[in-house]
């Protein structure tokens, strides 16, 4: 993952996400 992915997906967890299932690559 890019740094941008890591930062944003971890932020989603901070906001309340329990599971983050990414896509696109």
PDBML (XML) file of the C-alpha atoms, coordinates in Angstrom:
<?xml version="1.0" encoding="UTF-8" ?>
<PDBx:datablock datablockName="MODEL"
   xmlns:PDBx="http://pdbml.pdb.org/schema/pdbx-v50.xsd"
   xmlns:xsi="http://www.w3.org/2001/XMLSchema-instance"
   xsi:schemaLocation="http://pdbml.pdb.org/schema/pdbx-v50.xsd pdbx-v50.xsd">
   <PDBx:atom_siteCategory>
      <PDBx:atom_site id="1">
         <PDBx:B_iso_or_equiv>0.00</PDBx:B_iso_or_equiv>
         <PDBx:Cartn_x>0.000</PDBx:Cartn_x>
         <PDBx:Cartn_y>0.000</PDBx:Cartn_y>
         <PDBx:Cartn_z>0.000</PDBx:Cartn_z>
         <PDBx:auth_asym_id>A</PDBx:auth_asym_id>
         <PDBx:auth_atom_id>CA</PDBx:auth_atom_id>
         <PDBx:auth_comp_id>UNK</PDBx:auth_comp_id>
         <PDBx:auth_seq_id>1</PDBx:auth_seq_id>
         <PDBx:group_PDB>ATOM</PDBx:group_PDB>
         <PDBx:label_alt_id xsi:nil="true" />
         <PDBx:label_asym_id>A</PDBx:label_asym_id>
         <PDBx:label_atom_id>CA</PDBx:label_atom_id>
         <PDBx:label_comp_id>UNK</PDBx:label_comp_id>
         <PDBx:label_entity_id>1</PDBx:label_entity_id>
         <PDBx:label_seq_id>1</PDBx:label_seq_id>
         <PDBx:occupancy>1.00</PDBx:occupancy>
         <PDBx:pdbx_PDB_model_num>1</PDBx:pdbx_PDB_model_num>
         <PDBx:type_symbol>C</PDBx:type_symbol>
      </PDBx:atom_site>
      <PDBx:atom_site id="2">
         <PDBx:B_iso_or_equiv>0.00</PDBx:B_iso_or_equiv>
         <PDBx:Cartn_x>0.980</PDBx:Cartn_x>
         <PDBx:Cartn_y>3.608</PDBx:Cartn_y>
         <PDBx:Cartn_z>-0.466</PDBx:Cartn_z>
         <PDBx:auth_asym_id>A</PDBx:auth_asym_id>
         <PDBx:auth_atom_id>CA</PDBx:auth_atom_id>
         <PDBx:auth_comp_id>UNK</PDBx:auth_comp_id>
         <PDBx:auth_seq_id>2</PDBx:auth_seq_id>
         <PDBx:group_PDB>ATOM</PDBx:group_PDB>
         <PDBx:label_alt_id xsi:nil="true" />
         <PDBx:label_asym_id>A</PDBx:label_asym_id>
         <PDBx:label_atom_id>CA</PDBx:label_atom_id>
         <PDBx:label_comp_id>UNK</PDBx:label_comp_id>
         <PDBx:label_entity_id>1</PDBx:label_entity_id>
         <PDBx:label_seq_id>2</PDBx:label_seq_id>
         <PDBx:occupancy>1.00</PDBx:occupancy>
         <PDBx:pdbx_PDB_model_num>1</PDBx:pdbx_PDB_model_num>
         <PDBx:type_symbol>C</PDBx:type_symbol>
      </PDBx:atom_site>
      <PDBx:atom_site id="3">
         <PDBx:B_iso_or_equiv>0.00</PDBx:B_iso_or_equiv>
         <PDBx:Cartn_x>1.525</PDBx:Cartn_x>
         <PDBx:Cartn_y>5.930</PDBx:Cartn_y>
         <PDBx:Cartn_z>2.480</PDBx:Cartn_z>
         <PDBx:auth_asym_id>A</PDBx:auth_asym_id>
         <PDBx:auth_atom_id>CA</PDBx:auth_atom_id>
         <PDBx:auth_comp_id>UNK</PDBx:auth_comp_id>
         <PDBx:auth_seq_id>3</PDBx:auth_seq_id>
         <PDBx:group_PDB>ATOM</PDBx:group_PDB>
         <PDBx:label_alt_id xsi:nil="true" />
         <PDBx:label_asym_id>A</PDBx:label_asym_id>
         <PDBx:label_atom_id>CA</PDBx:label_atom_id>
         <PDBx:label_comp_id>UNK</PDBx:label_comp_id>
         <PDBx:label_entity_id>1</PDBx:label_entity_id>
         <PDBx:label_seq_id>3</PDBx:label_seq_id>
         <PDBx:occupancy>1.00</PDBx:occupancy>
         <PDBx:pdbx_PDB_model_num>1</PDBx:pdbx_PDB_model_num>
         <PDBx:type_symbol>C</PDBx:type_symbol>
      </PDBx:atom_site>
      <PDBx:atom_site id="4">
         <PDBx:B_iso_or_equiv>0.00</PDBx:B_iso_or_equiv>
         <PDBx:Cartn_x>-1.706</PDBx:Cartn_x>
         <PDBx:Cartn_y>7.635</PDBx:Cartn_y>
         <PDBx:Cartn_z>1.502</PDBx:Cartn_z>
         <PDBx:auth_asym_id>A</PDBx:auth_asym_id>
         <PDBx:auth_atom_id>CA</PDBx:auth_atom_id>
         <PDBx:auth_comp_id>UNK</PDBx:auth_comp_id>
         <PDBx:auth_seq_id>4</PDBx:auth_seq_id>
         <PDBx:group_PDB>ATOM</PDBx:group_PDB>
         <PDBx:label_alt_id xsi:nil="true" />
         <PDBx:label_asym_id>A</PDBx:label_asym_id>
         <PDBx:label_atom_id>CA</PDBx:label_atom_id>
         <PDBx:label_comp_id>UNK</PDBx:label_comp_id>
         <PDBx:label_entity_id>1</PDBx:label_entity_id>
         <PDBx:label_seq_id>4</PDBx:label_seq_id>
         <PDBx:occupancy>1.00</PDBx:occupancy>
         <PDBx:pdbx_PDB_model_num>1</PDBx:pdbx_PDB_model_num>
         <PDBx:type_symbol>C</PDBx:type_symbol>
      </PDBx:atom_site>
      <PDBx:atom_site id="5">
         <PDBx:B_iso_or_equiv>0.00</PDBx:B_iso_or_equiv>
         <PDBx:Cartn_x>-3.598</PDBx:Cartn_x>
         <PDBx:Cartn_y>4.342</PDBx:Cartn_y>
         <PDBx:Cartn_z>1.762</PDBx:Cartn_z>
         <PDBx:auth_asym_id>A</PDBx:auth_asym_id>
         <PDBx:auth_atom_id>CA</PDBx:auth_atom_id>
         <PDBx:auth_comp_id>UNK</PDBx:auth_comp_id>
         <PDBx:auth_seq_id>5</PDBx:auth_seq_id>
         <PDBx:group_PDB>ATOM</PDBx:group_PDB>
         <PDBx:label_alt_id xsi:nil="true" />
         <PDBx:label_asym_id>A</PDBx:label_asym_id>
         <PDBx:label_atom_id>CA</PDBx:label_atom_id>
         <PDBx:label_comp_id>UNK</PDBx:label_comp_id>
         <PDBx:label_entity_id>1</PDBx:label_entity_id>
         <PDBx:label_seq_id>5</PDBx:label_seq_id>
         <PDBx:occupancy>1.00</PDBx:occupancy>
         <PDBx:pdbx_PDB_model_num>1</PDBx:pdbx_PDB_model_num>
         <PDBx:type_symbol>C</PDBx:type_symbol>
      </PDBx:atom_site>
      <PDBx:atom_site id="6">
         <PDBx:B_iso_or_equiv>0.00</PDBx:B_iso_or_equiv>
         <PDBx:Cartn_x>-2.077</PDBx:Cartn_x>
         <PDBx:Cartn_y>3.550</PDBx:Cartn_y>
         <PDBx:Cartn_z>5.126</PDBx:Cartn_z>
         <PDBx:auth_asym_id>A</PDBx:auth_asym_id>
         <PDBx:auth_atom_id>CA</PDBx:auth_atom_id>
         <PDBx:auth_comp_id>UNK</PDBx:auth_comp_id>
         <PDBx:auth_seq_id>6</PDBx:auth_seq_id>
         <PDBx:group_PDB>ATOM</PDBx:group_PDB>
         <PDBx:label_alt_id xsi:nil="true" />
         <PDBx:label_asym_id>A</PDBx:label_asym_id>
         <PDBx:label_atom_id>CA</PDBx:label_atom_id>
         <PDBx:label_comp_id>UNK</PDBx:label_comp_id>
         <PDBx:label_entity_id>1</PDBx:label_entity_id>
         <PDBx:label_seq_id>6</PDBx:label_seq_id>
         <PDBx:occupancy>1.00</PDBx:occupancy>
         <PDBx:pdbx_PDB_model_num>1</PDBx:pdbx_PDB_model_num>
         <PDBx:type_symbol>C</PDBx:type_symbol>
      </PDBx:atom_site>
      <PDBx:atom_site id="7">
         <PDBx:B_iso_or_equiv>0.00</PDBx:B_iso_or_equiv>
         <PDBx:Cartn_x>-2.858</PDBx:Cartn_x>
         <PDBx:Cartn_y>6.991</PDBx:Cartn_y>
         <PDBx:Cartn_z>6.533</PDBx:Cartn_z>
         <PDBx:auth_asym_id>A</PDBx:auth_asym_id>
         <PDBx:auth_atom_id>CA</PDBx:auth_atom_id>
         <PDBx:auth_comp_id>UNK</PDBx:auth_comp_id>
         <PDBx:auth_seq_id>7</PDBx:auth_seq_id>
         <PDBx:group_PDB>ATOM</PDBx:group_PDB>
         <PDBx:label_alt_id xsi:nil="true" />
         <PDBx:label_asym_id>A</PDBx:label_asym_id>
         <PDBx:label_atom_id>CA</PDBx:label_atom_id>
         <PDBx:label_comp_id>UNK</PDBx:label_comp_id>
         <PDBx:label_entity_id>1</PDBx:label_entity_id>
         <PDBx:label_seq_id>7</PDBx:label_seq_id>
         <PDBx:occupancy>1.00</PDBx:occupancy>
         <PDBx:pdbx_PDB_model_num>1</PDBx:pdbx_PDB_model_num>
         <PDBx:type_symbol>C</PDBx:type_symbol>
      </PDBx:atom_site>
      <PDBx:atom_site id="8">
         <PDBx:B_iso_or_equiv>0.00</PDBx:B_iso_or_equiv>
         <PDBx:Cartn_x>-6.444</PDBx:Cartn_x>
         <PDBx:Cartn_y>7.089</PDBx:Cartn_y>
         <PDBx:Cartn_z>5.301</PDBx:Cartn_z>
         <PDBx:auth_asym_id>A</PDBx:auth_asym_id>
         <PDBx:auth_atom_id>CA</PDBx:auth_atom_id>
         <PDBx:auth_comp_id>UNK</PDBx:auth_comp_id>
         <PDBx:auth_seq_id>8</PDBx:auth_seq_id>
         <PDBx:group_PDB>ATOM</PDBx:group_PDB>
         <PDBx:label_alt_id xsi:nil="true" />
         <PDBx:label_asym_id>A</PDBx:label_asym_id>
         <PDBx:label_atom_id>CA</PDBx:label_atom_id>
         <PDBx:label_comp_id>UNK</PDBx:label_comp_id>
         <PDBx:label_entity_id>1</PDBx:label_entity_id>
         <PDBx:label_seq_id>8</PDBx:label_seq_id>
         <PDBx:occupancy>1.00</PDBx:occupancy>
         <PDBx:pdbx_PDB_model_num>1</PDBx:pdbx_PDB_model_num>
         <PDBx:type_symbol>C</PDBx:type_symbol>
      </PDBx:atom_site>
      <PDBx:atom_site id="9">
         <PDBx:B_iso_or_equiv>0.00</PDBx:B_iso_or_equiv>
         <PDBx:Cartn_x>-7.395</PDBx:Cartn_x>
         <PDBx:Cartn_y>3.491</PDBx:Cartn_y>
         <PDBx:Cartn_z>6.152</PDBx:Cartn_z>
         <PDBx:auth_asym_id>A</PDBx:auth_asym_id>
         <PDBx:auth_atom_id>CA</PDBx:auth_atom_id>
         <PDBx:auth_comp_id>UNK</PDBx:auth_comp_id>
         <PDBx:auth_seq_id>9</PDBx:auth_seq_id>
         <PDBx:group_PDB>ATOM</PDBx:group_PDB>
         <PDBx:label_alt_id xsi:nil="true" />
         <PDBx:label_asym_id>A</PDBx:label_asym_id>
         <PDBx:label_atom_id>CA</PDBx:label_atom_id>
         <PDBx:label_comp_id>UNK</PDBx:label_comp_id>
         <PDBx:label_entity_id>1</PDBx:label_entity_id>
         <PDBx:label_seq_id>9</PDBx:label_seq_id>
         <PDBx:occupancy>1.00</PDBx:occupancy>
         <PDBx:pdbx_PDB_model_num>1</PDBx:pdbx_PDB_model_num>
         <PDBx:type_symbol>C</PDBx:type_symbol>
      </PDBx:atom_site>
      <PDBx:atom_site id="10">
         <PDBx:B_iso_or_equiv>0.00</PDBx:B_iso_or_equiv>
         <PDBx:Cartn_x>-6.014</PDBx:Cartn_x>
         <PDBx:Cartn_y>3.845</PDBx:Cartn_y>
         <PDBx:Cartn_z>9.680</PDBx:Cartn_z>
         <PDBx:auth_asym_id>A</PDBx:auth_asym_id>
         <PDBx:auth_atom_id>CA</PDBx:auth_atom_id>
         <PDBx:auth_comp_id>UNK</PDBx:auth_comp_id>
         <PDBx:auth_seq_id>10</PDBx:auth_seq_id>
         <PDBx:group_PDB>ATOM</PDBx:group_PDB>
         <PDBx:label_alt_id xsi:nil="true" />
         <PDBx:label_asym_id>A</PDBx:label_asym_id>
         <PDBx:label_atom_id>CA</PDBx:label_atom_id>
         <PDBx:label_comp_id>UNK</PDBx:label_comp_id>
         <PDBx:label_entity_id>1</PDBx:label_entity_id>
         <PDBx:label_seq_id>10</PDBx:label_seq_id>
         <PDBx:occupancy>1.00</PDBx:occupancy>
         <PDBx:pdbx_PDB_model_num>1</PDBx:pdbx_PDB_model_num>
         <PDBx:type_symbol>C</PDBx:type_symbol>
      </PDBx:atom_site>
      <PDBx:atom_site id="11">
         <PDBx:B_iso_or_equiv>0.00</PDBx:B_iso_or_equiv>
         <PDBx:Cartn_x>-7.952</PDBx:Cartn_x>
         <PDBx:Cartn_y>7.090</PDBx:Cartn_y>
         <PDBx:Cartn_z>9.982</PDBx:Cartn_z>
         <PDBx:auth_asym_id>A</PDBx:auth_asym_id>
         <PDBx:auth_atom_id>CA</PDBx:auth_atom_id>
         <PDBx:auth_comp_id>UNK</PDBx:auth_comp_id>
         <PDBx:auth_seq_id>11</PDBx:auth_seq_id>
         <PDBx:group_PDB>ATOM</PDBx:group_PDB>
         <PDBx:label_alt_id xsi:nil="true" />
         <PDBx:label_asym_id>A</PDBx:label_asym_id>
         <PDBx:label_atom_id>CA</PDBx:label_atom_id>
         <PDBx:label_comp_id>UNK</PDBx:label_comp_id>
         <PDBx:label_entity_id>1</PDBx:label_entity_id>
         <PDBx:label_seq_id>11</PDBx:label_seq_id>
         <PDBx:occupancy>1.00</PDBx:occupancy>
         <PDBx:pdbx_PDB_model_num>1</PDBx:pdbx_PDB_model_num>
         <PDBx:type_symbol>C</PDBx:type_symbol>
      </PDBx:atom_site>
      <PDBx:atom_site id="12">
         <PDBx:B_iso_or_equiv>0.00</PDBx:B_iso_or_equiv>
         <PDBx:Cartn_x>-11.109</PDBx:Cartn_x>
         <PDBx:Cartn_y>5.203</PDBx:Cartn_y>
         <PDBx:Cartn_z>8.992</PDBx:Cartn_z>
         <PDBx:auth_asym_id>A</PDBx:auth_asym_id>
         <PDBx:auth_atom_id>CA</PDBx:auth_atom_id>
         <PDBx:auth_comp_id>UNK</PDBx:auth_comp_id>
         <PDBx:auth_seq_id>12</PDBx:auth_seq_id>
         <PDBx:group_PDB>ATOM</PDBx:group_PDB>
         <PDBx:label_alt_id xsi:nil="true" />
         <PDBx:label_asym_id>A</PDBx:label_asym_id>
         <PDBx:label_atom_id>CA</PDBx:label_atom_id>
         <PDBx:label_comp_id>UNK</PDBx:label_comp_id>
         <PDBx:label_entity_id>1</PDBx:label_entity_id>
         <PDBx:label_seq_id>12</PDBx:label_seq_id>
         <PDBx:occupancy>1.00</PDBx:occupancy>
         <PDBx:pdbx_PDB_model_num>1</PDBx:pdbx_PDB_model_num>
         <PDBx:type_symbol>C</PDBx:type_symbol>
      </PDBx:atom_site>
      <PDBx:atom_site id="13">
         <PDBx:B_iso_or_equiv>0.00</PDBx:B_iso_or_equiv>
         <PDBx:Cartn_x>-10.496</PDBx:Cartn_x>
         <PDBx:Cartn_y>2.889</PDBx:Cartn_y>
         <PDBx:Cartn_z>11.929</PDBx:Cartn_z>
         <PDBx:auth_asym_id>A</PDBx:auth_asym_id>
         <PDBx:auth_atom_id>CA</PDBx:auth_atom_id>
         <PDBx:auth_comp_id>UNK</PDBx:auth_comp_id>
         <PDBx:auth_seq_id>13</PDBx:auth_seq_id>
         <PDBx:group_PDB>ATOM</PDBx:group_PDB>
         <PDBx:label_alt_id xsi:nil="true" />
         <PDBx:label_asym_id>A</PDBx:label_asym_id>
         <PDBx:label_atom_id>CA</PDBx:label_atom_id>
         <PDBx:label_comp_id>UNK</PDBx:label_comp_id>
         <PDBx:label_entity_id>1</PDBx:label_entity_id>
         <PDBx:label_seq_id>13</PDBx:label_seq_id>
         <PDBx:occupancy>1.00</PDBx:occupancy>
         <PDBx:pdbx_PDB_model_num>1</PDBx:pdbx_PDB_model_num>
         <PDBx:type_symbol>C</PDBx:type_symbol>
      </PDBx:atom_site>
      <PDBx:atom_site id="14">
         <PDBx:B_iso_or_equiv>0.00</PDBx:B_iso_or_equiv>
         <PDBx:Cartn_x>-10.080</PDBx:Cartn_x>
         <PDBx:Cartn_y>5.921</PDBx:Cartn_y>
         <PDBx:Cartn_z>14.198</PDBx:Cartn_z>
         <PDBx:auth_asym_id>A</PDBx:auth_asym_id>
         <PDBx:auth_atom_id>CA</PDBx:auth_atom_id>
         <PDBx:auth_comp_id>UNK</PDBx:auth_comp_id>
         <PDBx:auth_seq_id>14</PDBx:auth_seq_id>
         <PDBx:group_PDB>ATOM</PDBx:group_PDB>
         <PDBx:label_alt_id xsi:nil="true" />
         <PDBx:label_asym_id>A</PDBx:label_asym_id>
         <PDBx:label_atom_id>CA</PDBx:label_atom_id>
         <PDBx:label_comp_id>UNK</PDBx:label_comp_id>
         <PDBx:label_entity_id>1</PDBx:label_entity_id>
         <PDBx:label_seq_id>14</PDBx:label_seq_id>
         <PDBx:occupancy>1.00</PDBx:occupancy>
         <PDBx:pdbx_PDB_model_num>1</PDBx:pdbx_PDB_model_num>
         <PDBx:type_symbol>C</PDBx:type_symbol>
      </PDBx:atom_site>
      <PDBx:atom_site id="15">
         <PDBx:B_iso_or_equiv>0.00</PDBx:B_iso_or_equiv>
         <PDBx:Cartn_x>-13.456</PDBx:Cartn_x>
         <PDBx:Cartn_y>7.182</PDBx:Cartn_y>
         <PDBx:Cartn_z>12.980</PDBx:Cartn_z>
         <PDBx:auth_asym_id>A</PDBx:auth_asym_id>
         <PDBx:auth_atom_id>CA</PDBx:auth_atom_id>
         <PDBx:auth_comp_id>UNK</PDBx:auth_comp_id>
         <PDBx:auth_seq_id>15</PDBx:auth_seq_id>
         <PDBx:group_PDB>ATOM</PDBx:group_PDB>
         <PDBx:label_alt_id xsi:nil="true" />
         <PDBx:label_asym_id>A</PDBx:label_asym_id>
         <PDBx:label_atom_id>CA</PDBx:label_atom_id>
         <PDBx:label_comp_id>UNK</PDBx:label_comp_id>
         <PDBx:label_entity_id>1</PDBx:label_entity_id>
         <PDBx:label_seq_id>15</PDBx:label_seq_id>
         <PDBx:occupancy>1.00</PDBx:occupancy>
         <PDBx:pdbx_PDB_model_num>1</PDBx:pdbx_PDB_model_num>
         <PDBx:type_symbol>C</PDBx:type_symbol>
      </PDBx:atom_site>
      <PDBx:atom_site id="16">
         <PDBx:B_iso_or_equiv>0.00</PDBx:B_iso_or_equiv>
         <PDBx:Cartn_x>-15.162</PDBx:Cartn_x>
         <PDBx:Cartn_y>3.897</PDBx:Cartn_y>
         <PDBx:Cartn_z>13.795</PDBx:Cartn_z>
         <PDBx:auth_asym_id>A</PDBx:auth_asym_id>
         <PDBx:auth_atom_id>CA</PDBx:auth_atom_id>
         <PDBx:auth_comp_id>UNK</PDBx:auth_comp_id>
         <PDBx:auth_seq_id>16</PDBx:auth_seq_id>
         <PDBx:group_PDB>ATOM</PDBx:group_PDB>
         <PDBx:label_alt_id xsi:nil="true" />
         <PDBx:label_asym_id>A</PDBx:label_asym_id>
         <PDBx:label_atom_id>CA</PDBx:label_atom_id>
         <PDBx:label_comp_id>UNK</PDBx:label_comp_id>
         <PDBx:label_entity_id>1</PDBx:label_entity_id>
         <PDBx:label_seq_id>16</PDBx:label_seq_id>
         <PDBx:occupancy>1.00</PDBx:occupancy>
         <PDBx:pdbx_PDB_model_num>1</PDBx:pdbx_PDB_model_num>
         <PDBx:type_symbol>C</PDBx:type_symbol>
      </PDBx:atom_site>
      <PDBx:atom_site id="17">
         <PDBx:B_iso_or_equiv>0.00</PDBx:B_iso_or_equiv>
         <PDBx:Cartn_x>-14.504</PDBx:Cartn_x>
         <PDBx:Cartn_y>1.344</PDBx:Cartn_y>
         <PDBx:Cartn_z>11.033</PDBx:Cartn_z>
         <PDBx:auth_asym_id>A</PDBx:auth_asym_id>
         <PDBx:auth_atom_id>CA</PDBx:auth_atom_id>
         <PDBx:auth_comp_id>UNK</PDBx:auth_comp_id>
         <PDBx:auth_seq_id>17</PDBx:auth_seq_id>
         <PDBx:group_PDB>ATOM</PDBx:group_PDB>
         <PDBx:label_alt_id xsi:nil="true" />
         <PDBx:label_asym_id>A</PDBx:label_asym_id>
         <PDBx:label_atom_id>CA</PDBx:label_atom_id>
         <PDBx:label_comp_id>UNK</PDBx:label_comp_id>
         <PDBx:label_entity_id>1</PDBx:label_entity_id>
         <PDBx:label_seq_id>17</PDBx:label_seq_id>
         <PDBx:occupancy>1.00</PDBx:occupancy>
         <PDBx:pdbx_PDB_model_num>1</PDBx:pdbx_PDB_model_num>
         <PDBx:type_symbol>C</PDBx:type_symbol>
      </PDBx:atom_site>
      <PDBx:atom_site id="18">
         <PDBx:B_iso_or_equiv>0.00</PDBx:B_iso_or_equiv>
         <PDBx:Cartn_x>-14.064</PDBx:Cartn_x>
         <PDBx:Cartn_y>-2.233</PDBx:Cartn_y>
         <PDBx:Cartn_z>12.248</PDBx:Cartn_z>
         <PDBx:auth_asym_id>A</PDBx:auth_asym_id>
         <PDBx:auth_atom_id>CA</PDBx:auth_atom_id>
         <PDBx:auth_comp_id>UNK</PDBx:auth_comp_id>
         <PDBx:auth_seq_id>18</PDBx:auth_seq_id>
         <PDBx:group_PDB>ATOM</PDBx:group_PDB>
         <PDBx:label_alt_id xsi:nil="true" />
         <PDBx:label_asym_id>A</PDBx:label_asym_id>
         <PDBx:label_atom_id>CA</PDBx:label_atom_id>
         <PDBx:label_comp_id>UNK</PDBx:label_comp_id>
         <PDBx:label_entity_id>1</PDBx:label_entity_id>
         <PDBx:label_seq_id>18</PDBx:label_seq_id>
         <PDBx:occupancy>1.00</PDBx:occupancy>
         <PDBx:pdbx_PDB_model_num>1</PDBx:pdbx_PDB_model_num>
         <PDBx:type_symbol>C</PDBx:type_symbol>
      </PDBx:atom_site>
      <PDBx:atom_site id="19">
         <PDBx:B_iso_or_equiv>0.00</PDBx:B_iso_or_equiv>
         <PDBx:Cartn_x>-13.215</PDBx:Cartn_x>
         <PDBx:Cartn_y>-3.792</PDBx:Cartn_y>
         <PDBx:Cartn_z>8.876</PDBx:Cartn_z>
         <PDBx:auth_asym_id>A</PDBx:auth_asym_id>
         <PDBx:auth_atom_id>CA</PDBx:auth_atom_id>
         <PDBx:auth_comp_id>UNK</PDBx:auth_comp_id>
         <PDBx:auth_seq_id>19</PDBx:auth_seq_id>
         <PDBx:group_PDB>ATOM</PDBx:group_PDB>
         <PDBx:label_alt_id xsi:nil="true" />
         <PDBx:label_asym_id>A</PDBx:label_asym_id>
         <PDBx:label_atom_id>CA</PDBx:label_atom_id>
         <PDBx:label_comp_id>UNK</PDBx:label_comp_id>
         <PDBx:label_entity_id>1</PDBx:label_entity_id>
         <PDBx:label_seq_id>19</PDBx:label_seq_id>
         <PDBx:occupancy>1.00</PDBx:occupancy>
         <PDBx:pdbx_PDB_model_num>1</PDBx:pdbx_PDB_model_num>
         <PDBx:type_symbol>C</PDBx:type_symbol>
      </PDBx:atom_site>
      <PDBx:atom_site id="20">
         <PDBx:B_iso_or_equiv>0.00</PDBx:B_iso_or_equiv>
         <PDBx:Cartn_x>-11.571</PDBx:Cartn_x>
         <PDBx:Cartn_y>-2.002</PDBx:Cartn_y>
         <PDBx:Cartn_z>5.950</PDBx:Cartn_z>
         <PDBx:auth_asym_id>A</PDBx:auth_asym_id>
         <PDBx:auth_atom_id>CA</PDBx:auth_atom_id>
         <PDBx:auth_comp_id>UNK</PDBx:auth_comp_id>
         <PDBx:auth_seq_id>20</PDBx:auth_seq_id>
         <PDBx:group_PDB>ATOM</PDBx:group_PDB>
         <PDBx:label_alt_id xsi:nil="true" />
         <PDBx:label_asym_id>A</PDBx:label_asym_id>
         <PDBx:label_atom_id>CA</PDBx:label_atom_id>
         <PDBx:label_comp_id>UNK</PDBx:label_comp_id>
         <PDBx:label_entity_id>1</PDBx:label_entity_id>
         <PDBx:label_seq_id>20</PDBx:label_seq_id>
         <PDBx:occupancy>1.00</PDBx:occupancy>
         <PDBx:pdbx_PDB_model_num>1</PDBx:pdbx_PDB_model_num>
         <PDBx:type_symbol>C</PDBx:type_symbol>
      </PDBx:atom_site>
      <PDBx:atom_site id="21">
         <PDBx:B_iso_or_equiv>0.00</PDBx:B_iso_or_equiv>
         <PDBx:Cartn_x>-11.640</PDBx:Cartn_x>
         <PDBx:Cartn_y>-4.018</PDBx:Cartn_y>
         <PDBx:Cartn_z>2.703</PDBx:Cartn_z>
         <PDBx:auth_asym_id>A</PDBx:auth_asym_id>
         <PDBx:auth_atom_id>CA</PDBx:auth_atom_id>
         <PDBx:auth_comp_id>UNK</PDBx:auth_comp_id>
         <PDBx:auth_seq_id>21</PDBx:auth_seq_id>
         <PDBx:group_PDB>ATOM</PDBx:group_PDB>
         <PDBx:label_alt_id xsi:nil="true" />
         <PDBx:label_asym_id>A</PDBx:label_asym_id>
         <PDBx:label_atom_id>CA</PDBx:label_atom_id>
         <PDBx:label_comp_id>UNK</PDBx:label_comp_id>
         <PDBx:label_entity_id>1</PDBx:label_entity_id>
         <PDBx:label_seq_id>21</PDBx:label_seq_id>
         <PDBx:occupancy>1.00</PDBx:occupancy>
         <PDBx:pdbx_PDB_model_num>1</PDBx:pdbx_PDB_model_num>
         <PDBx:type_symbol>C</PDBx:type_symbol>
      </PDBx:atom_site>
      <PDBx:atom_site id="22">
         <PDBx:B_iso_or_equiv>0.00</PDBx:B_iso_or_equiv>
         <PDBx:Cartn_x>-9.641</PDBx:Cartn_x>
         <PDBx:Cartn_y>-2.138</PDBx:Cartn_y>
         <PDBx:Cartn_z>0.064</PDBx:Cartn_z>
         <PDBx:auth_asym_id>A</PDBx:auth_asym_id>
         <PDBx:auth_atom_id>CA</PDBx:auth_atom_id>
         <PDBx:auth_comp_id>UNK</PDBx:auth_comp_id>
         <PDBx:auth_seq_id>22</PDBx:auth_seq_id>
         <PDBx:group_PDB>ATOM</PDBx:group_PDB>
         <PDBx:label_alt_id xsi:nil="true" />
         <PDBx:label_asym_id>A</PDBx:label_asym_id>
         <PDBx:label_atom_id>CA</PDBx:label_atom_id>
         <PDBx:label_comp_id>UNK</PDBx:label_comp_id>
         <PDBx:label_entity_id>1</PDBx:label_entity_id>
         <PDBx:label_seq_id>22</PDBx:label_seq_id>
         <PDBx:occupancy>1.00</PDBx:occupancy>
         <PDBx:pdbx_PDB_model_num>1</PDBx:pdbx_PDB_model_num>
         <PDBx:type_symbol>C</PDBx:type_symbol>
      </PDBx:atom_site>
      <PDBx:atom_site id="23">
         <PDBx:B_iso_or_equiv>0.00</PDBx:B_iso_or_equiv>
         <PDBx:Cartn_x>-9.636</PDBx:Cartn_x>
         <PDBx:Cartn_y>-2.454</PDBx:Cartn_y>
         <PDBx:Cartn_z>-3.706</PDBx:Cartn_z>
         <PDBx:auth_asym_id>A</PDBx:auth_asym_id>
         <PDBx:auth_atom_id>CA</PDBx:auth_atom_id>
         <PDBx:auth_comp_id>UNK</PDBx:auth_comp_id>
         <PDBx:auth_seq_id>23</PDBx:auth_seq_id>
         <PDBx:group_PDB>ATOM</PDBx:group_PDB>
         <PDBx:label_alt_id xsi:nil="true" />
         <PDBx:label_asym_id>A</PDBx:label_asym_id>
         <PDBx:label_atom_id>CA</PDBx:label_atom_id>
         <PDBx:label_comp_id>UNK</PDBx:label_comp_id>
         <PDBx:label_entity_id>1</PDBx:label_entity_id>
         <PDBx:label_seq_id>23</PDBx:label_seq_id>
         <PDBx:occupancy>1.00</PDBx:occupancy>
         <PDBx:pdbx_PDB_model_num>1</PDBx:pdbx_PDB_model_num>
         <PDBx:type_symbol>C</PDBx:type_symbol>
      </PDBx:atom_site>
      <PDBx:atom_site id="24">
         <PDBx:B_iso_or_equiv>0.00</PDBx:B_iso_or_equiv>
         <PDBx:Cartn_x>-8.380</PDBx:Cartn_x>
         <PDBx:Cartn_y>-1.037</PDBx:Cartn_y>
         <PDBx:Cartn_z>-7.013</PDBx:Cartn_z>
         <PDBx:auth_asym_id>A</PDBx:auth_asym_id>
         <PDBx:auth_atom_id>CA</PDBx:auth_atom_id>
         <PDBx:auth_comp_id>UNK</PDBx:auth_comp_id>
         <PDBx:auth_seq_id>24</PDBx:auth_seq_id>
         <PDBx:group_PDB>ATOM</PDBx:group_PDB>
         <PDBx:label_alt_id xsi:nil="true" />
         <PDBx:label_asym_id>A</PDBx:label_asym_id>
         <PDBx:label_atom_id>CA</PDBx:label_atom_id>
         <PDBx:label_comp_id>UNK</PDBx:label_comp_id>
         <PDBx:label_entity_id>1</PDBx:label_entity_id>
         <PDBx:label_seq_id>24</PDBx:label_seq_id>
         <PDBx:occupancy>1.00</PDBx:occupancy>
         <PDBx:pdbx_PDB_model_num>1</PDBx:pdbx_PDB_model_num>
         <PDBx:type_symbol>C</PDBx:type_symbol>
      </PDBx:atom_site>
      <PDBx:atom_site id="25">
         <PDBx:B_iso_or_equiv>0.00</PDBx:B_iso_or_equiv>
         <PDBx:Cartn_x>-4.731</PDBx:Cartn_x>
         <PDBx:Cartn_y>-2.221</PDBx:Cartn_y>
         <PDBx:Cartn_z>-7.431</PDBx:Cartn_z>
         <PDBx:auth_asym_id>A</PDBx:auth_asym_id>
         <PDBx:auth_atom_id>CA</PDBx:auth_atom_id>
         <PDBx:auth_comp_id>UNK</PDBx:auth_comp_id>
         <PDBx:auth_seq_id>25</PDBx:auth_seq_id>
         <PDBx:group_PDB>ATOM</PDBx:group_PDB>
         <PDBx:label_alt_id xsi:nil="true" />
         <PDBx:label_asym_id>A</PDBx:label_asym_id>
         <PDBx:label_atom_id>CA</PDBx:label_atom_id>
         <PDBx:label_comp_id>UNK</PDBx:label_comp_id>
         <PDBx:label_entity_id>1</PDBx:label_entity_id>
         <PDBx:label_seq_id>25</PDBx:label_seq_id>
         <PDBx:occupancy>1.00</PDBx:occupancy>
         <PDBx:pdbx_PDB_model_num>1</PDBx:pdbx_PDB_model_num>
         <PDBx:type_symbol>C</PDBx:type_symbol>
      </PDBx:atom_site>
   </PDBx:atom_siteCategory>
</PDBx:datablock>
